[in-house]
């Protein structure tokens, strides 16, 4: 029994797989003013659709919906099955608050209330 699959059928299967990944993913990568859908994300990188996404390089931002997750420095790795794989050279988690330059005790009061005389 042969497991040979023609190029046309393989292309259709890849297109269907990518369409499913695009529908289910909320993740996106931004480079400048351009936004592209992330198909898969893991600790060391991500993949995007190779046909509709130009070659990315340099500093990008990764979002989950409206939440800014990471600011990353990326390099292209390889293209396979209609997906372009990128790896992180550096990945910095984005924070919604500025970092403190002092220690704050976990049980510290949020605010001080003055008392009236």
PDB file of N, CA and C in Angstrom:
ATOM      1  N   UNK A   1       0.850  -1.181   0.000  1.00  0.00           N
ATOM      2  CA  UNK A   1       0.000   0.000   0.000  1.00  0.00           C
ATOM      3  C   UNK A   1       0.886   1.230   0.000  1.00  0.00           C
ATOM      4  N   UNK A   2       0.566   2.168  -0.827  1.00  0.00           N
ATOM      5  CA  UNK A   2       1.375   3.372  -0.992  1.00  0.00           C
ATOM      6  C   UNK A   2       0.785   4.518  -0.165  1.00  0.00           C
ATOM      7  N   UNK A   3       1.639   5.350   0.383  1.00  0.00           N
ATOM      8  CA  UNK A   3       1.193   6.517   1.139  1.00  0.00           C
ATOM      9  C   UNK A   3       1.462   7.797   0.366  1.00  0.00           C
ATOM     10  N   UNK A   4       1.615   7.693  -0.951  1.00  0.00           N
ATOM     11  CA  UNK A   4       1.878   8.844  -1.798  1.00  0.00           C
ATOM     12  C   UNK A   4       0.636   9.724  -1.873  1.00  0.00           C
ATOM     13  N   UNK A   5       0.834  11.032  -1.684  1.00  0.00           N
ATOM     14  CA  UNK A   5      -0.250  12.004  -1.810  1.00  0.00           C
ATOM     15  C   UNK A   5       0.195  13.028  -2.841  1.00  0.00           C
ATOM     16  N   UNK A   6      -0.643  13.301  -3.817  1.00  0.00           N
ATOM     17  CA  UNK A   6      -0.275  14.238  -4.881  1.00  0.00           C
ATOM     18  C   UNK A   6      -0.091  15.648  -4.316  1.00  0.00           C
ATOM     19  N   UNK A   7       0.610  16.474  -5.074  1.00  0.00           N
ATOM     20  CA  UNK A   7       0.877  17.852  -4.648  1.00  0.00           C
ATOM     21  C   UNK A   7      -0.406  18.652  -4.474  1.00  0.00           C
ATOM     22  N   UNK A   8      -1.367  18.422  -5.359  1.00  0.00           N
ATOM     23  CA  UNK A   8      -2.629  19.159  -5.281  1.00  0.00           C
ATOM     24  C   UNK A   8      -3.398  18.817  -4.013  1.00  0.00           C
ATOM     25  N   UNK A   9      -3.449  17.541  -3.696  1.00  0.00           N
ATOM     26  CA  UNK A   9      -4.166  17.117  -2.479  1.00  0.00           C
ATOM     27  C   UNK A   9      -3.431  17.610  -1.240  1.00  0.00           C
ATOM     28  N   UNK A  10      -2.105  17.540  -1.235  1.00  0.00           N
ATOM     29  CA  UNK A  10      -1.321  18.039  -0.106  1.00  0.00           C
ATOM     30  C   UNK A  10      -1.541  19.543   0.094  1.00  0.00           C
ATOM     31  N   UNK A  11      -1.596  20.297  -1.008  1.00  0.00           N
ATOM     32  CA  UNK A  11      -1.837  21.742  -0.923  1.00  0.00           C
ATOM     33  C   UNK A  11      -3.214  22.029  -0.341  1.00  0.00           C
ATOM     34  N   UNK A  12      -4.226  21.264  -0.758  1.00  0.00           N
ATOM     35  CA  UNK A  12      -5.579  21.441  -0.219  1.00  0.00           C
ATOM     36  C   UNK A  12      -5.642  21.084   1.265  1.00  0.00           C
ATOM     37  N   UNK A  13      -4.968  20.017   1.666  1.00  0.00           N
ATOM     38  CA  UNK A  13      -4.939  19.640   3.082  1.00  0.00           C
ATOM     39  C   UNK A  13      -4.238  20.706   3.920  1.00  0.00           C
ATOM     40  N   UNK A  14      -3.129  21.252   3.425  1.00  0.00           N
ATOM     41  CA  UNK A  14      -2.426  22.325   4.136  1.00  0.00           C
ATOM     42  C   UNK A  14      -3.294  23.567   4.257  1.00  0.00           C
ATOM     43  N   UNK A  15      -3.993  23.918   3.179  1.00  0.00           N
ATOM     44  CA  UNK A  15      -4.874  25.092   3.201  1.00  0.00           C
ATOM     45  C   UNK A  15      -6.006  24.909   4.213  1.00  0.00           C
ATOM     46  N   UNK A  16      -6.586  23.724   4.266  1.00  0.00           N
ATOM     47  CA  UNK A  16      -7.662  23.460   5.232  1.00  0.00           C
ATOM     48  C   UNK A  16      -7.133  23.508   6.664  1.00  0.00           C
ATOM     49  N   UNK A  17      -5.939  22.961   6.904  1.00  0.00           N
ATOM     50  CA  UNK A  17      -5.344  22.989   8.246  1.00  0.00           C
ATOM     51  C   UNK A  17      -5.051  24.421   8.681  1.00  0.00           C
ATOM     52  N   UNK A  18      -4.509  25.233   7.776  1.00  0.00           N
ATOM     53  CA  UNK A  18      -4.190  26.630   8.107  1.00  0.00           C
ATOM     54  C   UNK A  18      -5.463  27.430   8.354  1.00  0.00           C
ATOM     55  N   UNK A  19      -6.497  27.199   7.557  1.00  0.00           N
ATOM     56  CA  UNK A  19      -7.767  27.899   7.774  1.00  0.00           C
ATOM     57  C   UNK A  19      -8.346  27.576   9.149  1.00  0.00           C
ATOM     58  N   UNK A  20      -8.247  26.325   9.576  1.00  0.00           N
ATOM     59  CA  UNK A  20      -8.724  25.934  10.907  1.00  0.00           C
ATOM     60  C   UNK A  20      -7.912  26.614  12.000  1.00  0.00           C
ATOM     61  N   UNK A  21      -6.587  26.664  11.840  1.00  0.00           N
ATOM     62  CA  UNK A  21      -5.742  27.328  12.834  1.00  0.00           C
ATOM     63  C   UNK A  21      -6.038  28.823  12.909  1.00  0.00           C
ATOM     64  N   UNK A  22      -6.274  29.460  11.766  1.00  0.00           N
ATOM     65  CA  UNK A  22      -6.563  30.894  11.750  1.00  0.00           C
ATOM     66  C   UNK A  22      -7.877  31.213  12.454  1.00  0.00           C
ATOM     67  N   UNK A  23      -8.882  30.354  12.282  1.00  0.00           N
ATOM     68  CA  UNK A  23     -10.177  30.577  12.929  1.00  0.00           C
ATOM     69  C   UNK A  23     -10.085  30.462  14.442  1.00  0.00           C
ATOM     70  N   UNK A  24      -9.277  29.523  14.917  1.00  0.00           N
ATOM     71  CA  UNK A  24      -9.248  29.242  16.348  1.00  0.00           C
ATOM     72  C   UNK A  24      -8.254  30.103  17.120  1.00  0.00           C
ATOM     73  N   UNK A  25      -7.405  30.852  16.437  1.00  0.00           N
ATOM     74  CA  UNK A  25      -6.362  31.610  17.132  1.00  0.00           C
ATOM     75  C   UNK A  25      -6.764  33.063  17.337  1.00  0.00           C
ATOM     76  N   UNK A  26      -6.553  33.554  18.549  1.00  0.00           N
ATOM     77  CA  UNK A  26      -6.749  34.970  18.858  1.00  0.00           C
ATOM     78  C   UNK A  26      -5.426  35.712  18.841  1.00  0.00           C
ATOM     79  N   UNK A  27      -4.344  34.982  18.687  1.00  0.00           N
ATOM     80  CA  UNK A  27      -3.014  35.563  18.763  1.00  0.00           C
ATOM     81  C   UNK A  27      -2.670  36.301  17.478  1.00  0.00           C
ATOM     82  N   UNK A  28      -1.902  37.391  17.613  1.00  0.00           N
ATOM     83  CA  UNK A  28      -1.454  38.144  16.453  1.00  0.00           C
ATOM     84  C   UNK A  28      -0.090  38.743  16.737  1.00  0.00           C
ATOM     85  N   UNK A  29       0.627  39.025  15.672  1.00  0.00           N
ATOM     86  CA  UNK A  29       1.930  39.653  15.779  1.00  0.00           C
ATOM     87  C   UNK A  29       1.850  40.986  15.041  1.00  0.00           C
ATOM     88  N   UNK A  30       2.420  42.023  15.635  1.00  0.00           N
ATOM     89  CA  UNK A  30       2.434  43.345  15.019  1.00  0.00           C
ATOM     90  C   UNK A  30       3.865  43.761  14.751  1.00  0.00           C
ATOM     91  N   UNK A  31       4.086  44.239  13.537  1.00  0.00           N
ATOM     92  CA  UNK A  31       5.379  44.789  13.151  1.00  0.00           C
ATOM     93  C   UNK A  31       5.090  46.127  12.502  1.00  0.00           C
ATOM     94  N   UNK A  32       5.401  47.193  13.219  1.00  0.00           N
ATOM     95  CA  UNK A  32       5.040  48.521  12.737  1.00  0.00           C
ATOM     96  C   UNK A  32       3.534  48.677  12.757  1.00  0.00           C
ATOM     97  N   UNK A  33       2.960  49.064  11.603  1.00  0.00           N
ATOM     98  CA  UNK A  33       1.503  49.218  11.486  1.00  0.00           C
ATOM     99  C   UNK A  33       0.824  47.968  10.951  1.00  0.00           C
ATOM    100  N   UNK A  34       1.589  46.931  10.663  1.00  0.00           N
ATOM    101  CA  UNK A  34       1.045  45.706  10.080  1.00  0.00           C
ATOM    102  C   UNK A  34       0.753  44.659  11.153  1.00  0.00           C
ATOM    103  N   UNK A  35      -0.368  43.957  10.973  1.00  0.00           N
ATOM    104  CA  UNK A  35      -0.791  42.916  11.905  1.00  0.00           C
ATOM    105  C   UNK A  35      -0.988  41.611  11.142  1.00  0.00           C
ATOM    106  N   UNK A  36      -0.491  40.502  11.732  1.00  0.00           N
ATOM    107  CA  UNK A  36      -0.599  39.191  11.106  1.00  0.00           C
ATOM    108  C   UNK A  36      -1.050  38.182  12.148  1.00  0.00           C
ATOM    109  N   UNK A  37      -1.864  37.229  11.727  1.00  0.00           N
ATOM    110  CA  UNK A  37      -2.404  36.188  12.606  1.00  0.00           C
ATOM    111  C   UNK A  37      -1.327  35.149  12.929  1.00  0.00           C
ATOM    112  N   UNK A  38      -1.198  34.806  14.207  1.00  0.00           N
ATOM    113  CA  UNK A  38      -0.281  33.748  14.634  1.00  0.00           C
ATOM    114  C   UNK A  38      -1.058  32.434  14.644  1.00  0.00           C
ATOM    115  N   UNK A  39      -0.501  31.420  13.985  1.00  0.00           N
ATOM    116  CA  UNK A  39      -1.160  30.120  13.938  1.00  0.00           C
ATOM    117  C   UNK A  39      -0.845  29.287  15.174  1.00  0.00           C
ATOM    118  N   UNK A  40       0.423  29.266  15.574  1.00  0.00           N
ATOM    119  CA  UNK A  40       0.854  28.522  16.765  1.00  0.00           C
ATOM    120  C   UNK A  40       1.879  29.362  17.510  1.00  0.00           C
ATOM    121  N   UNK A  41       1.846  29.274  18.835  1.00  0.00           N
ATOM    122  CA  UNK A  41       2.806  29.981  19.682  1.00  0.00           C
ATOM    123  C   UNK A  41       3.331  29.003  20.717  1.00  0.00           C
ATOM    124  N   UNK A  42       4.626  28.992  20.929  1.00  0.00           N
ATOM    125  CA  UNK A  42       5.245  28.173  21.971  1.00  0.00           C
ATOM    126  C   UNK A  42       6.317  29.003  22.645  1.00  0.00           C
ATOM    127  N   UNK A  43       7.002  28.420  23.599  1.00  0.00           N
ATOM    128  CA  UNK A  43       7.963  29.143  24.437  1.00  0.00           C
ATOM    129  C   UNK A  43       9.060  29.838  23.639  1.00  0.00           C
ATOM    130  N   UNK A  44       9.536  29.213  22.568  1.00  0.00           N
ATOM    131  CA  UNK A  44      10.680  29.732  21.825  1.00  0.00           C
ATOM    132  C   UNK A  44      10.333  30.329  20.473  1.00  0.00           C
ATOM    133  N   UNK A  45       9.050  30.422  20.104  1.00  0.00           N
ATOM    134  CA  UNK A  45       8.723  30.983  18.803  1.00  0.00           C
ATOM    135  C   UNK A  45       7.262  30.869  18.438  1.00  0.00           C
ATOM    136  N   UNK A  46       6.982  31.092  17.147  1.00  0.00           N
ATOM    137  CA  UNK A  46       5.613  31.050  16.650  1.00  0.00           C
ATOM    138  C   UNK A  46       5.636  30.764  15.151  1.00  0.00           C
ATOM    139  N   UNK A  47       4.453  30.463  14.597  1.00  0.00           N
ATOM    140  CA  UNK A  47       4.312  30.292  13.157  1.00  0.00           C
ATOM    141  C   UNK A  47       3.209  31.207  12.646  1.00  0.00           C
ATOM    142  N   UNK A  48       3.360  31.640  11.393  1.00  0.00           N
ATOM    143  CA  UNK A  48       2.349  32.425  10.686  1.00  0.00           C
ATOM    144  C   UNK A  48       2.155  31.794   9.311  1.00  0.00           C
ATOM    145  N   UNK A  49       1.093  32.171   8.633  1.00  0.00           N
ATOM    146  CA  UNK A  49       0.844  31.657   7.286  1.00  0.00           C
ATOM    147  C   UNK A  49       1.876  32.255   6.333  1.00  0.00           C
ATOM    148  N   UNK A  50       2.578  31.420   5.611  1.00  0.00           N
ATOM    149  CA  UNK A  50       3.666  31.904   4.757  1.00  0.00           C
ATOM    150  C   UNK A  50       3.160  32.579   3.481  1.00  0.00           C
ATOM    151  N   UNK A  51       1.986  32.193   3.010  1.00  0.00           N
ATOM    152  CA  UNK A  51       1.480  32.735   1.749  1.00  0.00           C
ATOM    153  C   UNK A  51       1.039  34.189   1.867  1.00  0.00           C
ATOM    154  N   UNK A  52       0.407  34.566   2.974  1.00  0.00           N
ATOM    155  CA  UNK A  52      -0.146  35.921   3.107  1.00  0.00           C
ATOM    156  C   UNK A  52       0.703  36.844   3.976  1.00  0.00           C
ATOM    157  N   UNK A  53       1.724  36.313   4.620  1.00  0.00           N
ATOM    158  CA  UNK A  53       2.550  37.112   5.522  1.00  0.00           C
ATOM    159  C   UNK A  53       3.926  37.328   4.910  1.00  0.00           C
ATOM    160  N   UNK A  54       4.368  38.606   4.795  1.00  0.00           N
ATOM    161  CA  UNK A  54       5.724  38.824   4.291  1.00  0.00           C
ATOM    162  C   UNK A  54       6.755  38.348   5.312  1.00  0.00           C
ATOM    163  N   UNK A  55       8.004  38.250   4.897  1.00  0.00           N
ATOM    164  CA  UNK A  55       9.067  37.833   5.815  1.00  0.00           C
ATOM    165  C   UNK A  55       9.207  38.876   6.917  1.00  0.00           C
ATOM    166  N   UNK A  56       9.102  38.411   8.150  1.00  0.00           N
ATOM    167  CA  UNK A  56       9.235  39.279   9.314  1.00  0.00           C
ATOM    168  C   UNK A  56      10.660  39.188   9.837  1.00  0.00           C
ATOM    169  N   UNK A  57      11.133  40.264  10.428  1.00  0.00           N
ATOM    170  CA  UNK A  57      12.428  40.237  11.093  1.00  0.00           C
ATOM    171  C   UNK A  57      12.529  41.433  12.017  1.00  0.00           C
ATOM    172  N   UNK A  58      13.328  41.258  13.047  1.00  0.00           N
ATOM    173  CA  UNK A  58      13.539  42.351  13.974  1.00  0.00           C
ATOM    174  C   UNK A  58      12.588  42.325  15.156  1.00  0.00           C
ATOM    175  N   UNK A  59      12.207  43.513  15.603  1.00  0.00           N
ATOM    176  CA  UNK A  59      11.396  43.676  16.806  1.00  0.00           C
ATOM    177  C   UNK A  59       9.913  43.636  16.470  1.00  0.00           C
ATOM    178  N   UNK A  60       9.169  42.749  17.134  1.00  0.00           N
ATOM    179  CA  UNK A  60       7.725  42.619  16.937  1.00  0.00           C
ATOM    180  C   UNK A  60       7.030  42.561  18.292  1.00  0.00           C
ATOM    181  N   UNK A  61       5.722  42.795  18.278  1.00  0.00           N
ATOM    182  CA  UNK A  61       4.897  42.688  19.481  1.00  0.00           C
ATOM    183  C   UNK A  61       3.894  41.558  19.281  1.00  0.00           C
ATOM    184  N   UNK A  62       3.708  40.741  20.319  1.00  0.00           N
ATOM    185  CA  UNK A  62       2.776  39.619  20.272  1.00  0.00           C
ATOM    186  C   UNK A  62       1.590  39.949  21.180  1.00  0.00           C
ATOM    187  N   UNK A  63       0.375  39.791  20.631  1.00  0.00           N
ATOM    188  CA  UNK A  63      -0.858  40.104  21.359  1.00  0.00           C
ATOM    189  C   UNK A  63      -1.774  38.896  21.398  1.00  0.00           C
ATOM    190  N   UNK A  64      -2.539  38.793  22.477  1.00  0.00           N
ATOM    191  CA  UNK A  64      -3.641  37.848  22.585  1.00  0.00           C
ATOM    192  C   UNK A  64      -4.892  38.698  22.703  1.00  0.00           C
ATOM    193  N   UNK A  65      -5.605  38.873  21.599  1.00  0.00           N
ATOM    194  CA  UNK A  65      -6.722  39.810  21.588  1.00  0.00           C
ATOM    195  C   UNK A  65      -6.177  41.221  21.777  1.00  0.00           C
ATOM    196  N   UNK A  66      -6.627  41.901  22.840  1.00  0.00           N
ATOM    197  CA  UNK A  66      -6.136  43.239  23.138  1.00  0.00           C
ATOM    198  C   UNK A  66      -4.995  43.235  24.150  1.00  0.00           C
ATOM    199  N   UNK A  67      -4.667  42.076  24.717  1.00  0.00           N
ATOM    200  CA  UNK A  67      -3.616  41.981  25.737  1.00  0.00           C
ATOM    201  C   UNK A  67      -2.240  41.852  25.098  1.00  0.00           C
ATOM    202  N   UNK A  68      -1.364  42.774  25.450  1.00  0.00           N
ATOM    203  CA  UNK A  68       0.010  42.752  24.961  1.00  0.00           C
ATOM    204  C   UNK A  68       0.775  41.722  25.786  1.00  0.00           C
ATOM    205  N   UNK A  69       1.251  40.645  25.134  1.00  0.00           N
ATOM    206  CA  UNK A  69       1.935  39.572  25.841  1.00  0.00           C
ATOM    207  C   UNK A  69       3.443  39.769  25.880  1.00  0.00           C
ATOM    208  N   UNK A  70       4.062  39.969  24.706  1.00  0.00           N
ATOM    209  CA  UNK A  70       5.518  40.010  24.620  1.00  0.00           C
ATOM    210  C   UNK A  70       5.978  41.058  23.615  1.00  0.00           C
ATOM    211  N   UNK A  71       7.185  41.534  23.846  1.00  0.00           N
ATOM    212  CA  UNK A  71       7.925  42.268  22.829  1.00  0.00           C
ATOM    213  C   UNK A  71       9.121  41.379  22.510  1.00  0.00           C
ATOM    214  N   UNK A  72       9.288  41.027  21.238  1.00  0.00           N
ATOM    215  CA  UNK A  72      10.246  39.990  20.867  1.00  0.00           C
ATOM    216  C   UNK A  72      11.157  40.439  19.739  1.00  0.00           C
ATOM    217  N   UNK A  73      12.365  39.934  19.773  1.00  0.00           N
ATOM    218  CA  UNK A  73      13.297  40.042  18.679  1.00  0.00           C
ATOM    219  C   UNK A  73      13.302  38.675  18.006  1.00  0.00           C
ATOM    220  N   UNK A  74      12.958  38.630  16.706  1.00  0.00           N
ATOM    221  CA  UNK A  74      12.749  37.340  16.045  1.00  0.00           C
ATOM    222  C   UNK A  74      13.707  37.139  14.871  1.00  0.00           C
ATOM    223  N   UNK A  75      13.897  35.858  14.540  1.00  0.00           N
ATOM    224  CA  UNK A  75      14.612  35.472  13.326  1.00  0.00           C
ATOM    225  C   UNK A  75      13.802  34.383  12.633  1.00  0.00           C
ATOM    226  N   UNK A  76      13.860  34.366  11.295  1.00  0.00           N
ATOM    227  CA  UNK A  76      13.147  33.342  10.527  1.00  0.00           C
ATOM    228  C   UNK A  76      13.873  32.017  10.668  1.00  0.00           C
ATOM    229  N   UNK A  77      13.099  30.940  10.808  1.00  0.00           N
ATOM    230  CA  UNK A  77      13.690  29.616  10.967  1.00  0.00           C
ATOM    231  C   UNK A  77      13.512  28.798   9.696  1.00  0.00           C
ATOM    232  N   UNK A  78      12.285  28.357   9.395  1.00  0.00           N
ATOM    233  CA  UNK A  78      12.051  27.565   8.190  1.00  0.00           C
ATOM    234  C   UNK A  78      10.586  27.613   7.794  1.00  0.00           C
ATOM    235  N   UNK A  79      10.343  27.280   6.526  1.00  0.00           N
ATOM    236  CA  UNK A  79       8.980  27.208   6.017  1.00  0.00           C
ATOM    237  C   UNK A  79       8.634  25.747   5.764  1.00  0.00           C
ATOM    238  N   UNK A  80       7.441  25.358   6.235  1.00  0.00           N
ATOM    239  CA  UNK A  80       7.019  23.972   6.048  1.00  0.00           C
ATOM    240  C   UNK A  80       5.498  23.892   6.065  1.00  0.00           C
ATOM    241  N   UNK A  81       4.924  23.264   5.078  1.00  0.00           N
ATOM    242  CA  UNK A  81       3.484  23.023   5.039  1.00  0.00           C
ATOM    243  C   UNK A  81       2.652  24.281   5.040  1.00  0.00           C
ATOM    244  N   UNK A  82       3.111  25.347   4.386  1.00  0.00           N
ATOM    245  CA  UNK A  82       2.346  26.594   4.335  1.00  0.00           C
ATOM    246  C   UNK A  82       2.519  27.483   5.553  1.00  0.00           C
ATOM    247  N   UNK A  83       3.373  27.092   6.489  1.00  0.00           N
ATOM    248  CA  UNK A  83       3.629  27.889   7.698  1.00  0.00           C
ATOM    249  C   UNK A  83       5.088  28.332   7.722  1.00  0.00           C
ATOM    250  N   UNK A  84       5.315  29.576   8.129  1.00  0.00           N
ATOM    251  CA  UNK A  84       6.660  30.086   8.320  1.00  0.00           C
ATOM    252  C   UNK A  84       6.931  30.134   9.812  1.00  0.00           C
ATOM    253  N   UNK A  85       8.020  29.501  10.233  1.00  0.00           N
ATOM    254  CA  UNK A  85       8.374  29.417  11.646  1.00  0.00           C
ATOM    255  C   UNK A  85       9.393  30.498  11.982  1.00  0.00           C
ATOM    256  N   UNK A  86       9.152  31.179  13.100  1.00  0.00           N
ATOM    257  CA  UNK A  86      10.069  32.188  13.620  1.00  0.00           C
ATOM    258  C   UNK A  86      10.487  31.798  15.028  1.00  0.00           C
ATOM    259  N   UNK A  87      11.724  32.088  15.372  1.00  0.00           N
ATOM    260  CA  UNK A  87      12.220  31.814  16.716  1.00  0.00           C
ATOM    261  C   UNK A  87      12.572  33.123  17.402  1.00  0.00           C
ATOM    262  N   UNK A  88      12.428  33.131  18.722  1.00  0.00           N
ATOM    263  CA  UNK A  88      12.754  34.313  19.512  1.00  0.00           C
ATOM    264  C   UNK A  88      14.240  34.338  19.825  1.00  0.00           C
ATOM    265  N   UNK A  89      14.876  35.462  19.521  1.00  0.00           N
ATOM    266  CA  UNK A  89      16.239  35.680  20.021  1.00  0.00           C
ATOM    267  C   UNK A  89      16.140  36.261  21.428  1.00  0.00           C
ATOM    268  N   UNK A  90      15.088  37.077  21.607  1.00  0.00           N
ATOM    269  CA  UNK A  90      14.805  37.674  22.909  1.00  0.00           C
ATOM    270  C   UNK A  90      13.302  37.833  23.008  1.00  0.00           C
ATOM    271  N   UNK A  91      12.764  37.542  24.183  1.00  0.00           N
ATOM    272  CA  UNK A  91      11.331  37.681  24.422  1.00  0.00           C
ATOM    273  C   UNK A  91      11.142  38.301  25.803  1.00  0.00           C
ATOM    274  N   UNK A  92      10.540  39.476  25.827  1.00  0.00           N
ATOM    275  CA  UNK A  92      10.319  40.188  27.078  1.00  0.00           C
ATOM    276  C   UNK A  92       8.821  40.282  27.339  1.00  0.00           C
ATOM    277  N   UNK A  93       8.394  39.821  28.497  1.00  0.00           N
ATOM    278  CA  UNK A  93       6.977  39.880  28.853  1.00  0.00           C
ATOM    279  C   UNK A  93       6.553  41.329  29.036  1.00  0.00           C
ATOM    280  N   UNK A  94       5.390  41.669  28.510  1.00  0.00           N
ATOM    281  CA  UNK A  94       4.843  43.017  28.649  1.00  0.00           C
ATOM    282  C   UNK A  94       4.079  43.108  29.966  1.00  0.00           C
ATOM    283  N   UNK A  95       4.176  44.232  30.633  1.00  0.00           N
ATOM    284  CA  UNK A  95       3.487  44.452  31.906  1.00  0.00           C
ATOM    285  C   UNK A  95       2.509  45.604  31.762  1.00  0.00           C
ATOM    286  N   UNK A  96       1.426  45.547  32.532  1.00  0.00           N
ATOM    287  CA  UNK A  96       0.439  46.619  32.469  1.00  0.00           C
ATOM    288  C   UNK A  96       0.737  47.749  33.440  1.00  0.00           C
ATOM    289  N   UNK A  97       1.756  47.586  34.304  1.00  0.00           N
ATOM    290  CA  UNK A  97       2.159  48.625  35.250  1.00  0.00           C
ATOM    291  C   UNK A  97       3.656  48.851  35.118  1.00  0.00           C
ATOM    292  N   UNK A  98       4.080  50.045  35.470  1.00  0.00           N
ATOM    293  CA  UNK A  98       5.515  50.325  35.482  1.00  0.00           C
ATOM    294  C   UNK A  98       6.159  49.562  36.633  1.00  0.00           C
ATOM    295  N   UNK A  99       7.381  49.072  36.458  1.00  0.00           N
ATOM    296  CA  UNK A  99       8.032  48.354  37.556  1.00  0.00           C
ATOM    297  C   UNK A  99       8.363  49.288  38.715  1.00  0.00           C
ATOM    298  N   UNK A 100       8.280  48.759  39.921  1.00  0.00           N
ATOM    299  CA  UNK A 100       8.612  49.535  41.113  1.00  0.00           C
ATOM    300  C   UNK A 100      10.113  49.535  41.315  1.00  0.00           C
ATOM    301  N   UNK A 101      10.637  50.640  41.836  1.00  0.00           N
ATOM    302  CA  UNK A 101      12.074  50.692  42.121  1.00  0.00           C
ATOM    303  C   UNK A 101      12.326  50.543  43.625  1.00  0.00           C
ATOM    304  N   UNK A 102      11.339  49.967  44.326  1.00  0.00           N
ATOM    305  CA  UNK A 102      11.478  49.703  45.750  1.00  0.00           C
ATOM    306  C   UNK A 102      10.662  48.463  46.093  1.00  0.00           C
ATOM    307  N   UNK A 103      10.923  47.875  47.252  1.00  0.00           N
ATOM    308  CA  UNK A 103      10.191  46.695  47.680  1.00  0.00           C
ATOM    309  C   UNK A 103       8.859  47.111  48.265  1.00  0.00           C
ATOM    310  N   UNK A 104       7.802  46.459  47.855  1.00  0.00           N
ATOM    311  CA  UNK A 104       6.475  46.704  48.412  1.00  0.00           C
ATOM    312  C   UNK A 104       6.015  45.421  49.081  1.00  0.00           C
ATOM    313  N   UNK A 105       5.766  45.513  50.373  1.00  0.00           N
ATOM    314  CA  UNK A 105       5.313  44.350  51.139  1.00  0.00           C
ATOM    315  C   UNK A 105       3.948  43.897  50.618  1.00  0.00           C
ATOM    316  N   UNK A 106       3.707  42.597  50.569  1.00  0.00           N
ATOM    317  CA  UNK A 106       2.430  42.104  50.058  1.00  0.00           C
ATOM    318  C   UNK A 106       1.230  42.548  50.896  1.00  0.00           C
ATOM    319  N   UNK A 107       1.431  42.797  52.190  1.00  0.00           N
ATOM    320  CA  UNK A 107       0.323  43.221  53.047  1.00  0.00           C
ATOM    321  C   UNK A 107       0.325  44.735  53.279  1.00  0.00           C
ATOM    322  N   UNK A 108       1.033  45.491  52.468  1.00  0.00           N
ATOM    323  CA  UNK A 108       1.087  46.951  52.623  1.00  0.00           C
ATOM    324  C   UNK A 108      -0.272  47.555  52.283  1.00  0.00           C
ATOM    325  N   UNK A 109      -0.639  48.655  52.953  1.00  0.00           N
ATOM    326  CA  UNK A 109      -1.932  49.296  52.640  1.00  0.00           C
ATOM    327  C   UNK A 109      -1.902  49.903  51.238  1.00  0.00           C
ATOM    328  N   UNK A 110      -3.067  49.950  50.626  1.00  0.00           N
ATOM    329  CA  UNK A 110      -3.170  50.506  49.280  1.00  0.00           C
ATOM    330  C   UNK A 110      -3.087  52.024  49.326  1.00  0.00           C
ATOM    331  N   UNK A 111      -3.699  52.617  50.325  1.00  0.00           N
ATOM    332  CA  UNK A 111      -3.704  54.074  50.468  1.00  0.00           C
ATOM    333  C   UNK A 111      -3.734  54.417  51.937  1.00  0.00           C
ATOM    334  N   UNK A 112      -3.329  55.620  52.269  1.00  0.00           N
ATOM    335  CA  UNK A 112      -3.375  56.094  53.659  1.00  0.00           C
ATOM    336  C   UNK A 112      -4.530  57.076  53.789  1.00  0.00           C
ATOM    337  N   UNK A 113      -5.329  56.860  54.816  1.00  0.00           N
ATOM    338  CA  UNK A 113      -6.455  57.762  55.072  1.00  0.00           C
ATOM    339  C   UNK A 113      -6.078  58.674  56.226  1.00  0.00           C
ATOM    340  N   UNK A 114      -6.237  59.957  56.005  1.00  0.00           N
ATOM    341  CA  UNK A 114      -5.959  60.917  57.066  1.00  0.00           C
ATOM    342  C   UNK A 114      -7.140  60.975  58.026  1.00  0.00           C
ATOM    343  N   UNK A 115      -6.886  61.319  59.272  1.00  0.00           N
ATOM    344  CA  UNK A 115      -8.018  61.427  60.198  1.00  0.00           C
ATOM    345  C   UNK A 115      -8.280  62.904  60.465  1.00  0.00           C
ATOM    346  N   UNK A 116      -9.542  63.220  60.669  1.00  0.00           N
ATOM    347  CA  UNK A 116      -9.956  64.602  60.889  1.00  0.00           C
ATOM    348  C   UNK A 116     -10.003  64.891  62.371  1.00  0.00           C
ATOM    349  N   UNK A 117      -9.582  66.082  62.735  1.00  0.00           N
ATOM    350  CA  UNK A 117      -9.612  66.484  64.147  1.00  0.00           C
ATOM    351  C   UNK A 117     -10.856  67.228  64.492  1.00  0.00           C
TER     352      UNK A 117
END
